[in-house]
Amino acid sequence: MRMSPDRLLKQVLYSQLSSGHIKRGRPRLRFKVNIKRNMKLRDIKTDSWTSLSQHRDKWRAVVK
């Protein structure tokens, strides 16, 4: 039984993928990177923010 010609694996093996393109420029920033930048601006330690955010009262005091 042969693989059908429209299967992705066969298209990759024979370089028949022409519909895609490679984006130019720098990669998009992840959500976590943006959060860390904002926290540095607010002078919040980025190494312990996950544990700090689980305690609502402490977190509210730091964020204010």
Foldseek 3Di string as FASTA:
>chain_A
DDDDCVDPVNCVVVVVPDPDDDDDDDDDDDPLVVVVVVCVVLVHDPVCVVVQVVDPVSVVVSVD
